[in-house]
Amino acid sequence: MKKKLEIDKKLYNVKCKIMSMSFSAHVDSKGIMEFLTYLSPSNIVLVHGDNDGMIDLKRKITDTLKIPCMNPENHSTTVIPIVRKIPFTISLNLLNYYTNSLLSENSFLL
């Protein structure tokens, strides 16, 4: 069953998976960092907490875990950027051929 979301009287298919975790108010930043390390998410959105504490946690997450982290204002719209990595294999000969072709066609780039 596909989920739909209504925004401004228009229906949209939901094409993402939303996960929510409930933490005790007693979880400290060390416990949160350990949990995030275990989960290894692509993005993190902080939605509840003391503003100064969330700013510090956001900095710690981005500096230590290198994971994009946001702490949006209440009642705001947040866009989460998606980077899709598609692995591929190409022969060195083909790569050299196209590199040399591009360089000769655009010699002004040299």
C-alpha atoms as a PDB file:
ATOM      1  CA  MET A   1       0.000   0.000   0.000  1.00  0.00           C
ATOM      2  CA  LYS A   2       1.501   3.328  -1.088  1.00  0.00           C
ATOM      3  CA  LYS A   3       1.290   6.156   1.361  1.00  0.00           C
ATOM      4  CA  LYS A   4       0.125   9.579   0.257  1.00  0.00           C
ATOM      5  CA  LEU A   5       0.577  12.982   1.799  1.00  0.00           C
ATOM      6  CA  GLU A   6      -1.745  15.927   1.237  1.00  0.00           C
ATOM      7  CA  ILE A   7      -0.168  19.364   0.986  1.00  0.00           C
ATOM      8  CA  ASP A   8      -2.259  22.382  -0.041  1.00  0.00           C
ATOM      9  CA  LYS A   9      -5.091  20.109  -1.194  1.00  0.00           C
ATOM     10  CA  LYS A  10      -2.776  18.169  -3.538  1.00  0.00           C
ATOM     11  CA  LEU A  11      -1.873  14.490  -2.986  1.00  0.00           C
ATOM     12  CA  TYR A  12       1.741  13.351  -3.234  1.00  0.00           C
ATOM     13  CA  ASN A  13       3.161   9.826  -3.154  1.00  0.00           C
ATOM     14  CA  VAL A  14       5.477   9.335  -0.184  1.00  0.00           C
ATOM     15  CA  LYS A  15       8.798   8.169  -1.598  1.00  0.00           C
ATOM     16  CA  CYS A  16      10.892   8.135   1.539  1.00  0.00           C
ATOM     17  CA  LYS A  17      11.235   6.120   4.673  1.00  0.00           C
ATOM     18  CA  ILE A  18      10.815   8.111   7.853  1.00  0.00           C
ATOM     19  CA  MET A  19      12.218   6.712  11.046  1.00  0.00           C
ATOM     20  CA  SER A  20      11.621   8.118  14.486  1.00  0.00           C
ATOM     21  CA  MET A  21      13.289   7.197  17.726  1.00  0.00           C
ATOM     22  CA  SER A  22      12.150   8.247  21.166  1.00  0.00           C
ATOM     23  CA  PHE A  23      14.855   9.076  23.688  1.00  0.00           C
ATOM     24  CA  SER A  24      14.609   9.475  27.395  1.00  0.00           C
ATOM     25  CA  ALA A  25      15.224  12.996  28.639  1.00  0.00           C
ATOM     26  CA  HIS A  26      18.170  11.509  30.507  1.00  0.00           C
ATOM     27  CA  VAL A  27      20.152  10.475  27.421  1.00  0.00           C
ATOM     28  CA  ASP A  28      23.333  12.542  27.230  1.00  0.00           C
ATOM     29  CA  SER A  29      25.218  13.566  24.103  1.00  0.00           C
ATOM     30  CA  LYS A  30      27.631  10.640  24.563  1.00  0.00           C
ATOM     31  CA  GLY A  31      24.746   8.165  24.416  1.00  0.00           C
ATOM     32  CA  ILE A  32      23.270   9.920  21.388  1.00  0.00           C
ATOM     33  CA  MET A  33      26.651   9.884  19.607  1.00  0.00           C
ATOM     34  CA  GLU A  34      27.098   6.162  20.307  1.00  0.00           C
ATOM     35  CA  PHE A  35      23.607   5.453  18.983  1.00  0.00           C
ATOM     36  CA  LEU A  36      24.167   7.551  15.842  1.00  0.00           C
ATOM     37  CA  THR A  37      27.490   5.796  15.240  1.00  0.00           C
ATOM     38  CA  TYR A  38      25.665   2.459  15.428  1.00  0.00           C
ATOM     39  CA  LEU A  39      22.876   3.608  13.069  1.00  0.00           C
ATOM     40  CA  SER A  40      25.168   5.370  10.570  1.00  0.00           C
ATOM     41  CA  PRO A  41      22.367   7.511   9.053  1.00  0.00           C
ATOM     42  CA  SER A  42      22.773   9.618   5.901  1.00  0.00           C
ATOM     43  CA  ASN A  43      21.221  12.721   7.492  1.00  0.00           C
ATOM     44  CA  ILE A  44      20.156  13.811  10.965  1.00  0.00           C
ATOM     45  CA  VAL A  45      17.434  16.287  11.939  1.00  0.00           C
ATOM     46  CA  LEU A  46      17.351  17.478  15.541  1.00  0.00           C
ATOM     47  CA  VAL A  47      13.784  18.479  16.408  1.00  0.00           C
ATOM     48  CA  HIS A  48      13.525  18.794  20.169  1.00  0.00           C
ATOM     49  CA  GLY A  49      15.711  20.197  22.889  1.00  0.00           C
ATOM     50  CA  ASP A  50      17.347  23.264  24.318  1.00  0.00           C
ATOM     51  CA  ASN A  51      18.483  25.452  21.396  1.00  0.00           C
ATOM     52  CA  ASP A  52      22.042  25.920  22.698  1.00  0.00           C
ATOM     53  CA  GLY A  53      22.289  22.198  23.418  1.00  0.00           C
ATOM     54  CA  MET A  54      21.075  21.316  19.922  1.00  0.00           C
ATOM     55  CA  ILE A  55      23.597  23.712  18.352  1.00  0.00           C
ATOM     56  CA  ASP A  56      26.408  22.069  20.343  1.00  0.00           C
ATOM     57  CA  LEU A  57      25.173  18.558  19.463  1.00  0.00           C
ATOM     58  CA  LYS A  58      24.848  19.501  15.784  1.00  0.00           C
ATOM     59  CA  ARG A  59      28.451  20.753  15.771  1.00  0.00           C
ATOM     60  CA  LYS A  60      29.646  17.584  17.507  1.00  0.00           C
ATOM     61  CA  ILE A  61      27.761  15.355  15.027  1.00  0.00           C
ATOM     62  CA  THR A  62      29.057  17.142  11.930  1.00  0.00           C
ATOM     63  CA  ASP A  63      32.641  17.439  13.235  1.00  0.00           C
ATOM     64  CA  THR A  64      32.969  13.947  14.694  1.00  0.00           C
ATOM     65  CA  LEU A  65      30.692  11.744  12.591  1.00  0.00           C
ATOM     66  CA  LYS A  66      30.852  13.781   9.354  1.00  0.00           C
ATOM     67  CA  ILE A  67      27.077  13.342   8.909  1.00  0.00           C
ATOM     68  CA  PRO A  68      24.942  16.263   7.669  1.00  0.00           C
ATOM     69  CA  CYS A  69      22.874  17.486  10.616  1.00  0.00           C
ATOM     70  CA  MET A  70      20.100  20.082  10.764  1.00  0.00           C
ATOM     71  CA  ASN A  71      18.210  21.731  13.611  1.00  0.00           C
ATOM     72  CA  PRO A  72      15.390  23.620  11.854  1.00  0.00           C
ATOM     73  CA  GLU A  73      13.221  26.284  13.442  1.00  0.00           C
ATOM     74  CA  ASN A  74       9.817  25.152  14.722  1.00  0.00           C
ATOM     75  CA  HIS A  75       7.076  25.177  12.069  1.00  0.00           C
ATOM     76  CA  SER A  76       9.602  25.487   9.258  1.00  0.00           C
ATOM     77  CA  THR A  77      10.110  23.473   6.085  1.00  0.00           C
ATOM     78  CA  THR A  78      13.313  21.479   5.879  1.00  0.00           C
ATOM     79  CA  VAL A  79      14.812  20.153   2.665  1.00  0.00           C
ATOM     80  CA  ILE A  80      17.129  17.191   3.114  1.00  0.00           C
ATOM     81  CA  PRO A  81      19.623  16.972   0.257  1.00  0.00           C
ATOM     82  CA  ILE A  82      20.053  13.544  -1.244  1.00  0.00           C
ATOM     83  CA  VAL A  83      23.302  12.506  -2.874  1.00  0.00           C
ATOM     84  CA  ARG A  84      22.865   9.410  -4.961  1.00  0.00           C
ATOM     85  CA  LYS A  85      26.110   7.552  -5.579  1.00  0.00           C
ATOM     86  CA  ILE A  86      26.067   5.092  -8.451  1.00  0.00           C
ATOM     87  CA  PRO A  87      29.123   2.857  -8.683  1.00  0.00           C
ATOM     88  CA  PHE A  88      30.369   2.001 -12.163  1.00  0.00           C
ATOM     89  CA  THR A  89      33.364   0.475 -13.861  1.00  0.00           C
ATOM     90  CA  ILE A  90      35.165   1.969 -16.854  1.00  0.00           C
ATOM     91  CA  SER A  91      38.292   0.753 -18.576  1.00  0.00           C
ATOM     92  CA  LEU A  92      41.374   2.910 -18.385  1.00  0.00           C
ATOM     93  CA  ASN A  93      41.657   2.881 -22.188  1.00  0.00           C
ATOM     94  CA  LEU A  94      38.139   4.275 -22.591  1.00  0.00           C
ATOM     95  CA  LEU A  95      38.733   6.901 -19.931  1.00  0.00           C
ATOM     96  CA  ASN A  96      41.986   7.994 -21.579  1.00  0.00           C
ATOM     97  CA  TYR A  97      40.320   8.097 -24.993  1.00  0.00           C
ATOM     98  CA  TYR A  98      37.530  10.421 -23.836  1.00  0.00           C
ATOM     99  CA  THR A  99      39.861  12.552 -21.733  1.00  0.00           C
ATOM    100  CA  ASN A 100      42.189  13.088 -24.699  1.00  0.00           C
ATOM    101  CA  SER A 101      39.229  13.745 -27.030  1.00  0.00           C
ATOM    102  CA  LEU A 102      37.784  16.367 -24.716  1.00  0.00           C
ATOM    103  CA  LEU A 103      41.122  18.065 -24.235  1.00  0.00           C
ATOM    104  CA  SER A 104      41.806  18.280 -27.980  1.00  0.00           C
ATOM    105  CA  GLU A 105      38.301  19.629 -28.697  1.00  0.00           C
ATOM    106  CA  ASN A 106      38.525  22.220 -25.926  1.00  0.00           C
ATOM    107  CA  SER A 107      42.177  23.199 -26.105  1.00  0.00           C
ATOM    108  CA  PHE A 108      41.341  26.573 -24.620  1.00  0.00           C
ATOM    109  CA  LEU A 109      40.924  24.785 -21.265  1.00  0.00           C
ATOM    110  CA  LEU A 110      44.640  23.941 -21.235  1.00  0.00           C
END
